[in-house]
C-alpha atoms as a PDB file:
ATOM      1  CA  GLN A   1      -1.542  29.025   1.469  1.00  0.00           C
ATOM      2  CA  VAL A   2      -3.138  26.311  -0.602  1.00  0.00           C
ATOM      3  CA  GLN A   3      -6.842  25.626  -0.636  1.00  0.00           C
ATOM      4  CA  LEU A   4      -8.012  22.165  -1.681  1.00  0.00           C
ATOM      5  CA  VAL A   5     -11.492  21.119  -2.752  1.00  0.00           C
ATOM      6  CA  GLU A   6     -12.321  17.476  -3.401  1.00  0.00           C
ATOM      7  CA  SER A   7     -15.150  16.274  -5.590  1.00  0.00           C
ATOM      8  CA  GLY A   8     -16.291  13.136  -7.351  1.00  0.00           C
ATOM      9  CA  GLY A   9     -17.369  11.031  -4.419  1.00  0.00           C
ATOM     10  CA  GLY A  10     -20.643   9.162  -4.346  1.00  0.00           C
ATOM     11  CA  LEU A  11     -22.387   5.826  -4.070  1.00  0.00           C
ATOM     12  CA  VAL A  12     -21.218   3.001  -6.314  1.00  0.00           C
ATOM     13  CA  GLN A  13     -21.683  -0.753  -6.418  1.00  0.00           C
ATOM     14  CA  ALA A  14     -18.832  -3.098  -5.704  1.00  0.00           C
ATOM     15  CA  GLY A  15     -16.700  -3.543  -8.784  1.00  0.00           C
ATOM     16  CA  GLY A  16     -17.506  -0.068 -10.033  1.00  0.00           C
ATOM     17  CA  SER A  17     -15.314   2.966 -10.536  1.00  0.00           C
ATOM     18  CA  LEU A  18     -15.098   6.550  -9.392  1.00  0.00           C
ATOM     19  CA  ARG A  19     -12.681   9.359 -10.123  1.00  0.00           C
ATOM     20  CA  LEU A  20     -11.972  11.824  -7.369  1.00  0.00           C
ATOM     21  CA  SER A  21     -10.686  15.283  -8.156  1.00  0.00           C
ATOM     22  CA  CYS A  22      -8.825  17.684  -5.932  1.00  0.00           C
ATOM     23  CA  ALA A  23      -8.734  21.243  -7.212  1.00  0.00           C
ATOM     24  CA  ALA A  24      -6.060  23.426  -5.688  1.00  0.00           C
ATOM     25  CA  SER A  25      -6.008  27.200  -5.488  1.00  0.00           C
ATOM     26  CA  GLY A  26      -3.730  29.766  -3.967  1.00  0.00           C
ATOM     27  CA  ARG A  27      -0.521  28.281  -5.326  1.00  0.00           C
ATOM     28  CA  SER A  28       0.591  26.110  -8.174  1.00  0.00           C
ATOM     29  CA  ILE A  29       0.910  22.452  -7.199  1.00  0.00           C
ATOM     30  CA  THR A  30       3.627  21.888  -9.779  1.00  0.00           C
ATOM     31  CA  THR A  31       6.290  21.329  -7.134  1.00  0.00           C
ATOM     32  CA  TYR A  32       4.014  20.100  -4.380  1.00  0.00           C
ATOM     33  CA  THR A  33       3.606  16.618  -3.014  1.00  0.00           C
ATOM     34  CA  MET A  34      -0.034  15.645  -3.340  1.00  0.00           C
ATOM     35  CA  GLY A  35      -1.635  12.903  -1.323  1.00  0.00           C
ATOM     36  CA  TRP A  36      -4.910  11.066  -0.873  1.00  0.00           C
ATOM     37  CA  PHE A  37      -6.009   9.700   2.479  1.00  0.00           C
ATOM     38  CA  ARG A  38      -9.205   8.137   3.714  1.00  0.00           C
ATOM     39  CA  GLN A  39     -10.999   7.656   6.974  1.00  0.00           C
ATOM     40  CA  ALA A  40     -13.715   5.103   7.547  1.00  0.00           C
ATOM     41  CA  PRO A  41     -16.145   5.376  10.471  1.00  0.00           C
ATOM     42  CA  GLY A  42     -14.495   4.344  13.701  1.00  0.00           C
ATOM     43  CA  LYS A  43     -11.092   4.012  12.081  1.00  0.00           C
ATOM     44  CA  GLU A  44      -8.017   6.161  11.898  1.00  0.00           C
ATOM     45  CA  ARG A  45      -7.136   8.096   8.813  1.00  0.00           C
ATOM     46  CA  GLU A  46      -4.971   6.047   6.465  1.00  0.00           C
ATOM     47  CA  PHE A  47      -2.694   6.748   3.560  1.00  0.00           C
ATOM     48  CA  VAL A  48      -4.036   5.845   0.134  1.00  0.00           C
ATOM     49  CA  SER A  49      -1.743   7.312  -2.506  1.00  0.00           C
ATOM     50  CA  ALA A  50       0.698  10.108  -3.224  1.00  0.00           C
ATOM     51  CA  SER A  51       2.307  11.886  -6.130  1.00  0.00           C
ATOM     52  CA  MET A  52       5.632  13.238  -4.993  1.00  0.00           C
ATOM     53  CA  TRP A  53       6.939  16.765  -5.510  1.00  0.00           C
ATOM     54  CA  ASP A  54       9.159  15.577  -8.343  1.00  0.00           C
ATOM     55  CA  THR A  55       5.963  14.517 -10.188  1.00  0.00           C
ATOM     56  CA  VAL A  56       7.717  11.272 -11.068  1.00  0.00           C
ATOM     57  CA  ARG A  57       7.349   9.052  -8.038  1.00  0.00           C
ATOM     58  CA  THR A  58       3.990   7.730  -6.951  1.00  0.00           C
ATOM     59  CA  TYR A  59       3.109   5.550  -3.987  1.00  0.00           C
ATOM     60  CA  TYR A  60       0.117   3.438  -3.074  1.00  0.00           C
ATOM     61  CA  ALA A  61      -1.130   1.626  -0.035  1.00  0.00           C
ATOM     62  CA  ASP A  62      -1.022  -2.137  -0.502  1.00  0.00           C
ATOM     63  CA  SER A  63      -4.789  -2.277  -0.151  1.00  0.00           C
ATOM     64  CA  VAL A  64      -5.338  -0.171  -3.282  1.00  0.00           C
ATOM     65  CA  LYS A  65      -2.322  -1.072  -5.381  1.00  0.00           C
ATOM     66  CA  GLY A  66      -3.364  -2.165  -8.860  1.00  0.00           C
ATOM     67  CA  ARG A  67      -6.844  -0.693  -8.464  1.00  0.00           C
ATOM     68  CA  PHE A  68      -6.256   3.018  -7.811  1.00  0.00           C
ATOM     69  CA  THR A  69      -4.227   5.456  -9.886  1.00  0.00           C
ATOM     70  CA  ILE A  70      -3.107   8.930  -8.883  1.00  0.00           C
ATOM     71  CA  SER A  71      -2.434  11.536 -11.510  1.00  0.00           C
ATOM     72  CA  ARG A  72      -2.069  15.259 -11.745  1.00  0.00           C
ATOM     73  CA  ASP A  73      -2.840  17.935 -14.284  1.00  0.00           C
ATOM     74  CA  ASN A  74      -0.581  20.816 -13.398  1.00  0.00           C
ATOM     75  CA  ALA A  75      -2.189  23.046 -16.005  1.00  0.00           C
ATOM     76  CA  LYS A  76      -5.497  22.654 -14.169  1.00  0.00           C
ATOM     77  CA  ASN A  77      -3.834  22.640 -10.753  1.00  0.00           C
ATOM     78  CA  THR A  78      -5.729  19.442 -10.039  1.00  0.00           C
ATOM     79  CA  VAL A  79      -4.861  15.978  -8.809  1.00  0.00           C
ATOM     80  CA  TYR A  80      -7.022  12.932  -9.465  1.00  0.00           C
ATOM     81  CA  LEU A  81      -7.569   9.539  -7.928  1.00  0.00           C
ATOM     82  CA  GLN A  82      -9.001   7.002 -10.338  1.00  0.00           C
ATOM     83  CA  MET A  83     -10.542   4.187  -8.333  1.00  0.00           C
ATOM     84  CA  ASN A  84     -11.433   0.952 -10.100  1.00  0.00           C
ATOM     85  CA  SER A  85     -12.696  -2.407  -8.875  1.00  0.00           C
ATOM     86  CA  LEU A  86     -14.078  -0.740  -5.783  1.00  0.00           C
ATOM     87  CA  LYS A  87     -14.811  -2.851  -2.734  1.00  0.00           C
ATOM     88  CA  PRO A  88     -17.097  -2.205   0.234  1.00  0.00           C
ATOM     89  CA  GLU A  89     -13.999  -1.800   2.395  1.00  0.00           C
ATOM     90  CA  ASP A  90     -13.052   1.243   0.300  1.00  0.00           C
ATOM     91  CA  THR A  91     -15.989   3.079   1.847  1.00  0.00           C
ATOM     92  CA  ALA A  92     -14.649   6.173   3.609  1.00  0.00           C
ATOM     93  CA  VAL A  93     -14.307   9.905   3.475  1.00  0.00           C
ATOM     94  CA  TYR A  94     -11.446  10.660   1.108  1.00  0.00           C
ATOM     95  CA  TYR A  95      -9.198  13.623   1.743  1.00  0.00           C
ATOM     96  CA  CYS A  96      -6.740  15.395  -0.492  1.00  0.00           C
ATOM     97  CA  ALA A  97      -3.561  16.840   0.992  1.00  0.00           C
ATOM     98  CA  ALA A  98      -0.711  19.023  -0.245  1.00  0.00           C
ATOM     99  CA  ASP A  99       2.696  20.104   0.898  1.00  0.00           C
ATOM    100  CA  GLY A 100       6.208  20.742  -0.369  1.00  0.00           C
ATOM    101  CA  SER A 101       9.094  18.318  -0.732  1.00  0.00           C
ATOM    102  CA  LEU A 102       8.175  15.792   1.945  1.00  0.00           C
ATOM    103  CA  SER A 103      10.003  12.560   2.602  1.00  0.00           C
ATOM    104  CA  VAL A 104       8.219   9.321   1.812  1.00  0.00           C
ATOM    105  CA  ARG A 105       7.897   8.597   5.525  1.00  0.00           C
ATOM    106  CA  ALA A 106       6.312  11.997   6.124  1.00  0.00           C
ATOM    107  CA  VAL A 107       3.932  11.483   3.236  1.00  0.00           C
ATOM    108  CA  ILE A 108       2.728   8.106   4.424  1.00  0.00           C
ATOM    109  CA  GLY A 109       2.500   9.490   7.945  1.00  0.00           C
ATOM    110  CA  GLY A 110       0.169  12.230   6.777  1.00  0.00           C
ATOM    111  CA  GLN A 111       2.430  15.129   7.678  1.00  0.00           C
ATOM    112  CA  PHE A 112       0.833  17.537   5.240  1.00  0.00           C
ATOM    113  CA  ASN A 113       0.080  21.147   6.014  1.00  0.00           C
ATOM    114  CA  TYR A 114      -2.859  21.551   3.672  1.00  0.00           C
ATOM    115  CA  TRP A 115      -6.008  19.425   3.630  1.00  0.00           C
ATOM    116  CA  GLY A 116      -9.302  19.449   1.821  1.00  0.00           C
ATOM    117  CA  GLN A 117     -12.696  19.015   3.440  1.00  0.00           C
ATOM    118  CA  GLY A 118     -13.183  15.486   2.174  1.00  0.00           C
ATOM    119  CA  THR A 119     -15.591  13.687  -0.118  1.00  0.00           C
ATOM    120  CA  GLN A 120     -17.645  10.629   0.804  1.00  0.00           C
ATOM    121  CA  VAL A 121     -17.199   7.402  -1.111  1.00  0.00           C
ATOM    122  CA  THR A 122     -19.663   4.614  -0.389  1.00  0.00           C
ATOM    123  CA  VAL A 123     -19.334   1.210  -2.020  1.00  0.00           C
ATOM    124  CA  SER A 124     -22.317  -1.094  -1.707  1.00  0.00           C
ATOM    125  CA  SER A 125     -22.015  -4.862  -1.815  1.00  0.00           C
END
């Protein structure tokens, strides 16, 4: 079992930055695929970014590419999402997810077994 706790959300003006953290416990995330997803009101959950189990490959949704960066600190068992140049359309609850050696399709499809409770990000215009 892996427990995930997100933090770092908040209210920020458009163009600003936030860094989300996802602290894992229960197991080391060293060989886990870690993902970030978001869900805006009235919309379906969508893929944002992922750091694959090999800790080499990373993926981003087109909507955040060039603005968001995923990273992990295995020593701290934590994954981060640095979000720059935030836009109002980035407003959502952001969720961290973890699982083993998933395929890229499974990652983007959100087929993770472990999820955090989410952290709210609100970007004002």
